[in-house]
């Protein structure tokens, strides 16, 4: 069993307590990082309609209690990992910023699927146009290089003809 399989899975409190302290810390810190990343996504893209972000991360206590095995978000009880002046203070600054955005209503509004697919289609069309333009440039460069190679070969052949006569 790999290290990830040891600590990054659903487990009981007894199983957690049997983990090495370094793996316990890794589990909590990784979960905190994932929770903050999820909150930042919601601030940037909108909160899904079925989610109440305040229940998940409206306070440090709620952030600690947020548990979602499908997303590998684990709960913990110690307040040291999420202390604003603790080892994860950078993450906690990001958490506060995302939470402030969500609370202010300035966060992105959820987009419907049709708008999202339209944006993706436009982005793919743009990417495709750029690839076609790049291909045309490469083909043009290849034609010019082939012409230079033919000229060089013709000069060599002409030089060889002059030397052999």
N, C-alpha and C. Protein backbone atom coordinates (compact mmCIF):
# COMPACT_ATOMS: atom_id res chain seq x y z
N UNK A 1 0.85 -1.17 0.00
CA UNK A 1 0.00 0.00 0.00
C UNK A 1 0.90 1.24 0.00
N UNK A 2 0.63 2.16 -0.92
CA UNK A 2 1.44 3.37 -1.01
C UNK A 2 1.09 4.33 0.13
N UNK A 3 1.95 5.34 0.33
CA UNK A 3 1.68 6.34 1.37
C UNK A 3 0.33 7.01 1.16
N UNK A 4 0.03 7.38 -0.11
CA UNK A 4 -1.24 8.03 -0.41
C UNK A 4 -2.42 7.16 -0.01
N UNK A 5 -2.32 5.86 -0.27
CA UNK A 5 -3.40 4.96 0.08
C UNK A 5 -3.54 4.83 1.60
N UNK A 6 -2.45 5.05 2.32
CA UNK A 6 -2.49 4.97 3.77
C UNK A 6 -3.27 6.12 4.39
N UNK A 7 -3.03 7.34 3.92
CA UNK A 7 -3.59 8.51 4.59
C UNK A 7 -4.68 9.23 3.80
N UNK A 8 -4.74 9.08 2.48
CA UNK A 8 -5.66 9.86 1.66
C UNK A 8 -6.89 9.02 1.28
N UNK A 9 -7.61 8.59 2.30
CA UNK A 9 -8.81 7.77 2.11
C UNK A 9 -9.72 7.96 3.31
N UNK A 10 -10.94 7.51 3.18
CA UNK A 10 -11.88 7.54 4.30
C UNK A 10 -11.31 6.65 5.41
N UNK A 11 -11.30 7.15 6.63
CA UNK A 11 -10.80 6.34 7.74
C UNK A 11 -11.47 6.74 9.05
N UNK A 12 -11.43 5.81 9.98
CA UNK A 12 -11.97 6.07 11.31
C UNK A 12 -10.96 6.87 12.12
N UNK A 13 -11.41 7.37 13.26
CA UNK A 13 -10.51 8.12 14.14
C UNK A 13 -9.38 7.23 14.64
N UNK A 14 -9.69 5.98 14.94
CA UNK A 14 -8.64 5.04 15.38
C UNK A 14 -7.60 4.83 14.29
N UNK A 15 -8.05 4.68 13.04
CA UNK A 15 -7.10 4.51 11.94
C UNK A 15 -6.22 5.76 11.80
N UNK A 16 -6.86 6.93 11.93
CA UNK A 16 -6.10 8.18 11.85
C UNK A 16 -5.04 8.24 12.95
N UNK A 17 -5.42 7.88 14.16
CA UNK A 17 -4.49 7.95 15.29
C UNK A 17 -3.32 6.99 15.13
N UNK A 18 -3.50 5.90 14.38
CA UNK A 18 -2.42 4.94 14.16
C UNK A 18 -1.45 5.38 13.07
N UNK A 19 -1.82 6.41 12.31
CA UNK A 19 -0.91 6.94 11.29
C UNK A 19 0.30 7.58 11.96
N UNK A 20 1.41 7.57 11.25
CA UNK A 20 2.59 8.30 11.74
C UNK A 20 2.23 9.78 11.81
N UNK A 21 2.80 10.51 12.75
CA UNK A 21 2.49 11.95 12.87
C UNK A 21 2.71 12.73 11.56
N UNK A 22 3.75 12.36 10.82
CA UNK A 22 4.00 13.07 9.56
C UNK A 22 2.87 12.85 8.56
N UNK A 23 2.31 11.63 8.53
CA UNK A 23 1.20 11.34 7.62
C UNK A 23 -0.09 11.98 8.12
N UNK A 24 -0.28 12.07 9.43
CA UNK A 24 -1.44 12.78 9.96
C UNK A 24 -1.41 14.23 9.51
N UNK A 25 -0.24 14.83 9.65
CA UNK A 25 -0.07 16.24 9.27
C UNK A 25 -0.29 16.41 7.76
N UNK A 26 0.26 15.49 6.98
CA UNK A 26 0.10 15.56 5.53
C UNK A 26 -1.37 15.46 5.14
N UNK A 27 -2.11 14.57 5.79
CA UNK A 27 -3.54 14.39 5.50
C UNK A 27 -4.30 15.68 5.76
N UNK A 28 -4.06 16.28 6.92
CA UNK A 28 -4.79 17.50 7.29
C UNK A 28 -4.38 18.66 6.38
N UNK A 29 -3.09 18.85 6.17
CA UNK A 29 -2.62 19.97 5.34
C UNK A 29 -3.11 19.84 3.90
N UNK A 30 -3.10 18.62 3.37
CA UNK A 30 -3.56 18.40 2.00
C UNK A 30 -5.06 18.66 1.90
N UNK A 31 -5.80 18.20 2.90
CA UNK A 31 -7.24 18.44 2.90
C UNK A 31 -7.54 19.93 2.99
N UNK A 32 -6.81 20.65 3.83
CA UNK A 32 -6.99 22.10 3.94
C UNK A 32 -6.71 22.77 2.60
N UNK A 33 -5.64 22.35 1.95
CA UNK A 33 -5.30 22.92 0.65
C UNK A 33 -6.43 22.67 -0.36
N UNK A 34 -6.97 21.47 -0.37
CA UNK A 34 -8.06 21.13 -1.29
C UNK A 34 -9.32 21.95 -0.99
N UNK A 35 -9.61 22.13 0.28
CA UNK A 35 -10.80 22.91 0.66
C UNK A 35 -10.66 24.36 0.21
N UNK A 36 -9.49 24.93 0.43
CA UNK A 36 -9.26 26.31 0.01
C UNK A 36 -9.33 26.42 -1.51
N UNK A 37 -8.77 25.44 -2.22
CA UNK A 37 -8.83 25.46 -3.69
C UNK A 37 -10.28 25.39 -4.18
N UNK A 38 -11.09 24.57 -3.53
CA UNK A 38 -12.50 24.46 -3.89
C UNK A 38 -13.21 25.78 -3.66
N UNK A 39 -12.94 26.42 -2.54
CA UNK A 39 -13.55 27.72 -2.23
C UNK A 39 -13.11 28.78 -3.25
N UNK A 40 -11.84 28.75 -3.64
CA UNK A 40 -11.35 29.70 -4.65
C UNK A 40 -12.04 29.45 -6.00
N UNK A 41 -12.26 28.18 -6.35
CA UNK A 41 -12.98 27.87 -7.58
C UNK A 41 -14.39 28.44 -7.53
N UNK A 42 -15.05 28.30 -6.40
CA UNK A 42 -16.40 28.83 -6.27
C UNK A 42 -16.40 30.35 -6.40
N UNK A 43 -15.39 30.99 -5.84
CA UNK A 43 -15.31 32.45 -5.93
C UNK A 43 -15.06 32.88 -7.37
N UNK A 44 -14.31 32.08 -8.12
CA UNK A 44 -13.97 32.43 -9.50
C UNK A 44 -15.05 32.01 -10.50
N UNK A 45 -15.70 30.88 -10.25
CA UNK A 45 -16.63 30.33 -11.25
C UNK A 45 -18.08 30.30 -10.80
N UNK A 46 -18.30 30.56 -9.54
CA UNK A 46 -19.66 30.51 -9.01
C UNK A 46 -19.87 29.27 -8.16
N UNK A 47 -20.70 29.41 -7.15
CA UNK A 47 -21.01 28.30 -6.25
C UNK A 47 -22.10 27.46 -6.88
N UNK A 48 -21.92 26.15 -6.92
CA UNK A 48 -23.00 25.29 -7.45
C UNK A 48 -24.30 25.53 -6.69
N UNK A 49 -25.41 25.41 -7.39
CA UNK A 49 -26.72 25.70 -6.80
C UNK A 49 -27.02 24.84 -5.57
N UNK A 50 -26.52 23.64 -5.54
CA UNK A 50 -26.83 22.71 -4.44
C UNK A 50 -25.93 22.90 -3.22
N UNK A 51 -25.04 23.89 -3.25
CA UNK A 51 -24.05 24.05 -2.18
C UNK A 51 -24.29 25.35 -1.42
N UNK A 52 -24.24 25.26 -0.10
CA UNK A 52 -24.25 26.44 0.75
C UNK A 52 -22.82 26.60 1.27
N UNK A 53 -22.07 27.50 0.68
CA UNK A 53 -20.65 27.63 1.02
C UNK A 53 -20.45 28.00 2.48
N UNK A 54 -21.40 28.72 3.08
CA UNK A 54 -21.26 29.11 4.49
C UNK A 54 -21.29 27.89 5.42
N UNK A 55 -22.08 26.88 5.06
CA UNK A 55 -22.12 25.67 5.87
C UNK A 55 -20.82 24.88 5.75
N UNK A 56 -20.14 25.00 4.61
CA UNK A 56 -18.91 24.26 4.37
C UNK A 56 -17.69 24.98 4.93
N UNK A 57 -17.67 26.31 4.79
CA UNK A 57 -16.44 27.01 5.16
C UNK A 57 -16.67 28.45 5.60
N UNK A 58 -17.80 28.69 6.20
CA UNK A 58 -18.11 30.04 6.66
C UNK A 58 -17.28 30.47 7.86
N UNK A 59 -16.69 29.51 8.56
CA UNK A 59 -15.83 29.81 9.70
C UNK A 59 -14.72 28.77 9.72
N UNK A 60 -13.70 29.00 10.54
CA UNK A 60 -12.61 28.02 10.64
C UNK A 60 -13.14 26.69 11.16
N UNK A 61 -14.08 26.74 12.10
CA UNK A 61 -14.66 25.50 12.65
C UNK A 61 -15.39 24.73 11.56
N UNK A 62 -16.19 25.43 10.76
CA UNK A 62 -16.92 24.76 9.67
C UNK A 62 -15.95 24.24 8.62
N UNK A 63 -14.89 24.97 8.37
CA UNK A 63 -13.87 24.51 7.42
C UNK A 63 -13.26 23.20 7.91
N UNK A 64 -12.98 23.11 9.19
CA UNK A 64 -12.42 21.88 9.78
C UNK A 64 -13.41 20.72 9.68
N UNK A 65 -14.69 21.00 9.85
CA UNK A 65 -15.71 19.95 9.87
C UNK A 65 -16.15 19.51 8.48
N UNK A 66 -15.84 20.28 7.46
CA UNK A 66 -16.24 19.97 6.09
C UNK A 66 -15.64 18.62 5.70
N UNK A 67 -16.51 17.70 5.34
CA UNK A 67 -16.08 16.33 5.03
C UNK A 67 -16.77 15.88 3.75
N UNK A 68 -15.99 15.57 2.74
CA UNK A 68 -16.53 15.10 1.47
C UNK A 68 -15.57 14.05 0.89
N UNK A 69 -15.81 12.78 1.19
CA UNK A 69 -14.89 11.72 0.73
C UNK A 69 -14.73 11.67 -0.79
N UNK A 70 -15.75 12.02 -1.54
CA UNK A 70 -15.65 11.99 -3.00
C UNK A 70 -14.59 12.97 -3.50
N UNK A 71 -14.43 14.08 -2.80
CA UNK A 71 -13.43 15.08 -3.17
C UNK A 71 -12.16 14.97 -2.32
N UNK A 72 -12.11 13.96 -1.48
CA UNK A 72 -10.99 13.73 -0.57
C UNK A 72 -10.77 14.94 0.34
N UNK A 73 -11.88 15.42 0.90
CA UNK A 73 -11.85 16.51 1.87
C UNK A 73 -12.14 15.89 3.22
N UNK A 74 -11.15 15.91 4.10
CA UNK A 74 -11.26 15.22 5.39
C UNK A 74 -11.44 16.21 6.52
N UNK A 75 -12.14 15.80 7.57
CA UNK A 75 -12.32 16.67 8.74
C UNK A 75 -11.18 16.44 9.72
N UNK A 76 -10.97 17.42 10.58
CA UNK A 76 -10.02 17.31 11.68
C UNK A 76 -10.53 18.16 12.83
N UNK A 77 -9.99 17.97 14.02
CA UNK A 77 -10.50 18.69 15.18
C UNK A 77 -9.49 19.71 15.73
N UNK A 78 -8.23 19.50 15.53
CA UNK A 78 -7.19 20.39 16.06
C UNK A 78 -7.21 21.71 15.28
N UNK A 79 -7.18 22.83 15.99
CA UNK A 79 -7.23 24.12 15.28
C UNK A 79 -5.85 24.64 14.88
N UNK A 80 -4.79 23.90 15.16
CA UNK A 80 -3.44 24.33 14.80
C UNK A 80 -3.24 24.44 13.28
N UNK A 81 -3.67 23.45 12.49
CA UNK A 81 -3.40 23.53 11.04
C UNK A 81 -4.03 24.73 10.35
N UNK A 82 -5.19 25.18 10.84
CA UNK A 82 -5.86 26.30 10.17
C UNK A 82 -5.75 27.60 10.97
N UNK A 83 -4.83 27.66 11.92
CA UNK A 83 -4.65 28.89 12.68
C UNK A 83 -4.06 29.96 11.75
N UNK A 84 -4.60 31.17 11.79
CA UNK A 84 -4.13 32.23 10.88
C UNK A 84 -2.64 32.55 10.99
N UNK A 85 -2.02 32.23 12.14
CA UNK A 85 -0.58 32.49 12.29
C UNK A 85 0.22 31.20 12.32
N UNK A 86 -0.42 30.09 11.91
CA UNK A 86 0.23 28.79 11.96
C UNK A 86 0.98 28.46 10.69
N UNK A 87 1.29 27.19 10.52
CA UNK A 87 2.11 26.73 9.41
C UNK A 87 1.43 26.90 8.05
N UNK A 88 0.12 27.03 8.03
CA UNK A 88 -0.62 27.20 6.77
C UNK A 88 -1.18 28.61 6.63
N UNK A 89 -0.45 29.61 7.16
CA UNK A 89 -0.98 30.96 7.16
C UNK A 89 -1.24 31.48 5.74
N UNK A 90 -0.43 31.08 4.77
CA UNK A 90 -0.67 31.49 3.38
C UNK A 90 -1.99 30.96 2.85
N UNK A 91 -2.27 29.70 3.15
CA UNK A 91 -3.56 29.11 2.74
C UNK A 91 -4.71 29.81 3.43
N UNK A 92 -4.53 30.16 4.68
CA UNK A 92 -5.60 30.82 5.43
C UNK A 92 -5.87 32.22 4.89
N UNK A 93 -4.86 32.89 4.39
CA UNK A 93 -5.07 34.20 3.74
C UNK A 93 -5.91 34.00 2.48
N UNK A 94 -5.59 32.97 1.71
CA UNK A 94 -6.37 32.67 0.50
C UNK A 94 -7.81 32.30 0.85
N UNK A 95 -7.99 31.53 1.93
CA UNK A 95 -9.32 31.15 2.39
C UNK A 95 -10.13 32.39 2.74
N UNK A 96 -9.51 33.31 3.52
CA UNK A 96 -10.21 34.54 3.92
C UNK A 96 -10.60 35.37 2.70
N UNK A 97 -9.70 35.46 1.74
CA UNK A 97 -9.98 36.25 0.53
C UNK A 97 -11.16 35.64 -0.24
N UNK A 98 -11.14 34.33 -0.45
CA UNK A 98 -12.23 33.68 -1.18
C UNK A 98 -13.54 33.82 -0.42
N UNK A 99 -13.50 33.64 0.88
CA UNK A 99 -14.69 33.76 1.73
C UNK A 99 -15.25 35.18 1.67
N UNK A 100 -14.36 36.17 1.67
CA UNK A 100 -14.78 37.56 1.58
C UNK A 100 -15.45 37.83 0.23
N UNK A 101 -14.87 37.31 -0.83
CA UNK A 101 -15.48 37.47 -2.16
C UNK A 101 -16.87 36.86 -2.21
N UNK A 102 -17.00 35.66 -1.69
CA UNK A 102 -18.29 34.98 -1.70
C UNK A 102 -19.31 35.73 -0.84
N UNK A 103 -18.90 36.21 0.31
CA UNK A 103 -19.81 36.92 1.21
C UNK A 103 -20.26 38.26 0.63
N UNK A 104 -19.38 38.88 -0.15
CA UNK A 104 -19.71 40.20 -0.70
C UNK A 104 -20.64 40.12 -1.90
N UNK A 105 -20.77 38.95 -2.47
CA UNK A 105 -21.60 38.82 -3.67
C UNK A 105 -20.85 39.19 -4.94
N UNK A 106 -19.56 39.51 -4.81
CA UNK A 106 -18.75 39.86 -6.00
C UNK A 106 -18.19 38.63 -6.69
N UNK A 107 -18.40 37.48 -6.10
CA UNK A 107 -17.90 36.25 -6.71
C UNK A 107 -18.67 35.98 -7.98
N UNK A 108 -18.11 35.17 -8.82
CA UNK A 108 -18.76 34.83 -10.08
C UNK A 108 -20.11 34.18 -9.82
N UNK A 109 -21.04 34.46 -10.68
CA UNK A 109 -22.35 33.82 -10.58
C UNK A 109 -22.28 32.49 -11.33
N UNK A 110 -23.00 31.50 -10.86
CA UNK A 110 -22.97 30.22 -11.58
C UNK A 110 -23.46 30.41 -13.01
N UNK A 111 -22.75 29.81 -13.92
CA UNK A 111 -23.16 29.90 -15.31
C UNK A 111 -23.92 28.63 -15.66
N UNK A 112 -24.83 28.77 -16.60
CA UNK A 112 -25.52 27.55 -16.99
C UNK A 112 -24.64 26.76 -17.95
N UNK A 113 -24.96 25.52 -18.11
CA UNK A 113 -24.12 24.62 -18.92
C UNK A 113 -24.00 25.09 -20.37
N UNK A 114 -25.08 25.63 -20.94
CA UNK A 114 -25.04 26.07 -22.33
C UNK A 114 -24.01 27.17 -22.53
N UNK A 115 -23.97 28.14 -21.62
CA UNK A 115 -22.97 29.21 -21.73
C UNK A 115 -21.55 28.66 -21.60
N UNK A 116 -21.38 27.71 -20.69
CA UNK A 116 -20.07 27.11 -20.50
C UNK A 116 -19.62 26.38 -21.77
N UNK A 117 -20.53 25.63 -22.38
CA UNK A 117 -20.18 24.89 -23.60
C UNK A 117 -19.91 25.85 -24.76
N UNK A 118 -20.65 26.95 -24.83
CA UNK A 118 -20.39 27.95 -25.87
C UNK A 118 -18.98 28.52 -25.72
N UNK A 119 -18.60 28.86 -24.49
CA UNK A 119 -17.26 29.39 -24.25
C UNK A 119 -16.19 28.38 -24.62
N UNK A 120 -16.42 27.14 -24.27
CA UNK A 120 -15.46 26.09 -24.62
C UNK A 120 -15.35 25.92 -26.13
N UNK A 121 -16.50 25.97 -26.82
CA UNK A 121 -16.49 25.83 -28.28
C UNK A 121 -15.72 26.98 -28.92
N UNK A 122 -15.95 28.20 -28.42
CA UNK A 122 -15.23 29.36 -28.96
C UNK A 122 -13.73 29.24 -28.70
N UNK A 123 -13.38 28.78 -27.51
CA UNK A 123 -11.96 28.61 -27.19
C UNK A 123 -11.33 27.56 -28.10
N UNK A 124 -12.05 26.49 -28.37
CA UNK A 124 -11.52 25.44 -29.26
C UNK A 124 -11.41 25.93 -30.70
N UNK A 125 -12.39 26.72 -31.14
CA UNK A 125 -12.32 27.29 -32.49
C UNK A 125 -11.10 28.21 -32.61
N UNK A 126 -10.87 29.02 -31.61
CA UNK A 126 -9.71 29.91 -31.60
C UNK A 126 -8.42 29.10 -31.62
N UNK A 127 -8.36 28.06 -30.80
CA UNK A 127 -7.18 27.20 -30.77
C UNK A 127 -6.97 26.54 -32.12
N UNK A 128 -8.05 26.07 -32.73
CA UNK A 128 -7.96 25.42 -34.04
C UNK A 128 -7.46 26.41 -35.10
N UNK A 129 -7.96 27.62 -35.08
CA UNK A 129 -7.52 28.64 -36.05
C UNK A 129 -6.02 28.91 -35.88
N UNK A 130 -5.57 29.01 -34.64
CA UNK A 130 -4.14 29.24 -34.40
C UNK A 130 -3.31 28.06 -34.89
N UNK A 131 -3.79 26.85 -34.70
CA UNK A 131 -3.05 25.67 -35.16
C UNK A 131 -2.99 25.63 -36.69
N UNK A 132 -4.08 26.01 -37.34
CA UNK A 132 -4.08 26.05 -38.81
C UNK A 132 -3.08 27.09 -39.32
N UNK A 133 -3.06 28.26 -38.67
CA UNK A 133 -2.11 29.31 -39.06
C UNK A 133 -0.68 28.84 -38.83
N UNK A 134 -0.42 28.19 -37.71
CA UNK A 134 0.93 27.66 -37.44
C UNK A 134 1.32 26.62 -38.48
N UNK A 135 0.40 25.77 -38.85
CA UNK A 135 0.67 24.74 -39.85
C UNK A 135 1.02 25.40 -41.19
N UNK A 136 0.28 26.43 -41.57
CA UNK A 136 0.55 27.12 -42.83
C UNK A 136 1.94 27.75 -42.81
N UNK A 137 2.33 28.34 -41.69
CA UNK A 137 3.67 28.93 -41.57
C UNK A 137 4.74 27.86 -41.70
N UNK A 138 4.52 26.74 -41.05
CA UNK A 138 5.50 25.64 -41.12
C UNK A 138 5.62 25.08 -42.54
N UNK A 139 4.47 24.94 -43.22
CA UNK A 139 4.50 24.46 -44.60
C UNK A 139 5.25 25.43 -45.50
N UNK A 140 5.04 26.74 -45.29
CA UNK A 140 5.73 27.75 -46.07
C UNK A 140 7.24 27.69 -45.81
N UNK A 141 7.63 27.55 -44.55
CA UNK A 141 9.04 27.44 -44.21
C UNK A 141 9.65 26.19 -44.86
N UNK A 142 8.91 25.10 -44.84
CA UNK A 142 9.39 23.86 -45.43
C UNK A 142 9.60 24.02 -46.94
N UNK A 143 8.66 24.65 -47.61
CA UNK A 143 8.81 24.87 -49.06
C UNK A 143 10.03 25.72 -49.36
N UNK A 144 10.25 26.79 -48.57
CA UNK A 144 11.42 27.64 -48.80
C UNK A 144 12.72 26.89 -48.54
N UNK A 145 12.74 26.08 -47.48
CA UNK A 145 13.94 25.28 -47.18
C UNK A 145 14.20 24.25 -48.27
N UNK A 146 13.15 23.62 -48.75
CA UNK A 146 13.33 22.64 -49.84
C UNK A 146 13.88 23.32 -51.08
N UNK A 147 13.41 24.54 -51.37
CA UNK A 147 13.91 25.28 -52.54
C UNK A 147 15.38 25.63 -52.35
N UNK A 148 15.78 26.03 -51.14
CA UNK A 148 17.19 26.33 -50.87
C UNK A 148 18.06 25.09 -50.99
N UNK A 149 17.54 23.97 -50.52
CA UNK A 149 18.29 22.71 -50.62
C UNK A 149 18.48 22.35 -52.09
N UNK A 150 17.41 22.50 -52.91
CA UNK A 150 17.53 22.19 -54.34
C UNK A 150 18.55 23.11 -55.02
N UNK A 151 18.53 24.41 -54.64
CA UNK A 151 19.50 25.35 -55.21
C UNK A 151 20.91 24.96 -54.81
N UNK A 152 21.08 24.61 -53.54
CA UNK A 152 22.40 24.21 -53.06
C UNK A 152 22.88 22.96 -53.78
N UNK A 153 22.00 22.00 -53.96
CA UNK A 153 22.37 20.76 -54.66
C UNK A 153 22.71 21.04 -56.12
N UNK A 154 21.96 21.95 -56.73
CA UNK A 154 22.22 22.30 -58.13
C UNK A 154 23.59 22.97 -58.25
N UNK A 155 23.94 23.86 -57.31
CA UNK A 155 25.25 24.51 -57.33
C UNK A 155 26.36 23.49 -57.15
N UNK A 156 26.15 22.52 -56.24
CA UNK A 156 27.16 21.48 -56.03
C UNK A 156 27.32 20.64 -57.28
N UNK A 157 26.20 20.30 -57.89
CA UNK A 157 26.27 19.50 -59.12
C UNK A 157 26.98 20.27 -60.22
N UNK A 158 26.69 21.57 -60.34
CA UNK A 158 27.33 22.39 -61.35
C UNK A 158 28.84 22.50 -61.08
N UNK A 159 29.21 22.66 -59.78
CA UNK A 159 30.61 22.74 -59.39
C UNK A 159 31.31 21.42 -59.70
N UNK A 160 30.64 20.31 -59.43
CA UNK A 160 31.23 18.99 -59.72
C UNK A 160 31.41 18.80 -61.21
N UNK A 161 30.47 19.30 -62.02
CA UNK A 161 30.59 19.21 -63.47
C UNK A 161 31.79 19.99 -63.97
N UNK A 162 32.02 21.19 -63.38
CA UNK A 162 33.15 22.02 -63.79
C UNK A 162 34.47 21.35 -63.41
N UNK A 163 34.52 20.72 -62.25
CA UNK A 163 35.75 20.03 -61.81
C UNK A 163 36.02 18.77 -62.63
N UNK A 164 34.99 18.08 -63.03
CA UNK A 164 35.21 16.84 -63.78
C UNK A 164 35.59 17.13 -65.24
N UNK A 165 35.31 18.29 -65.76
CA UNK A 165 35.68 18.61 -67.15
C UNK A 165 37.04 19.16 -67.22
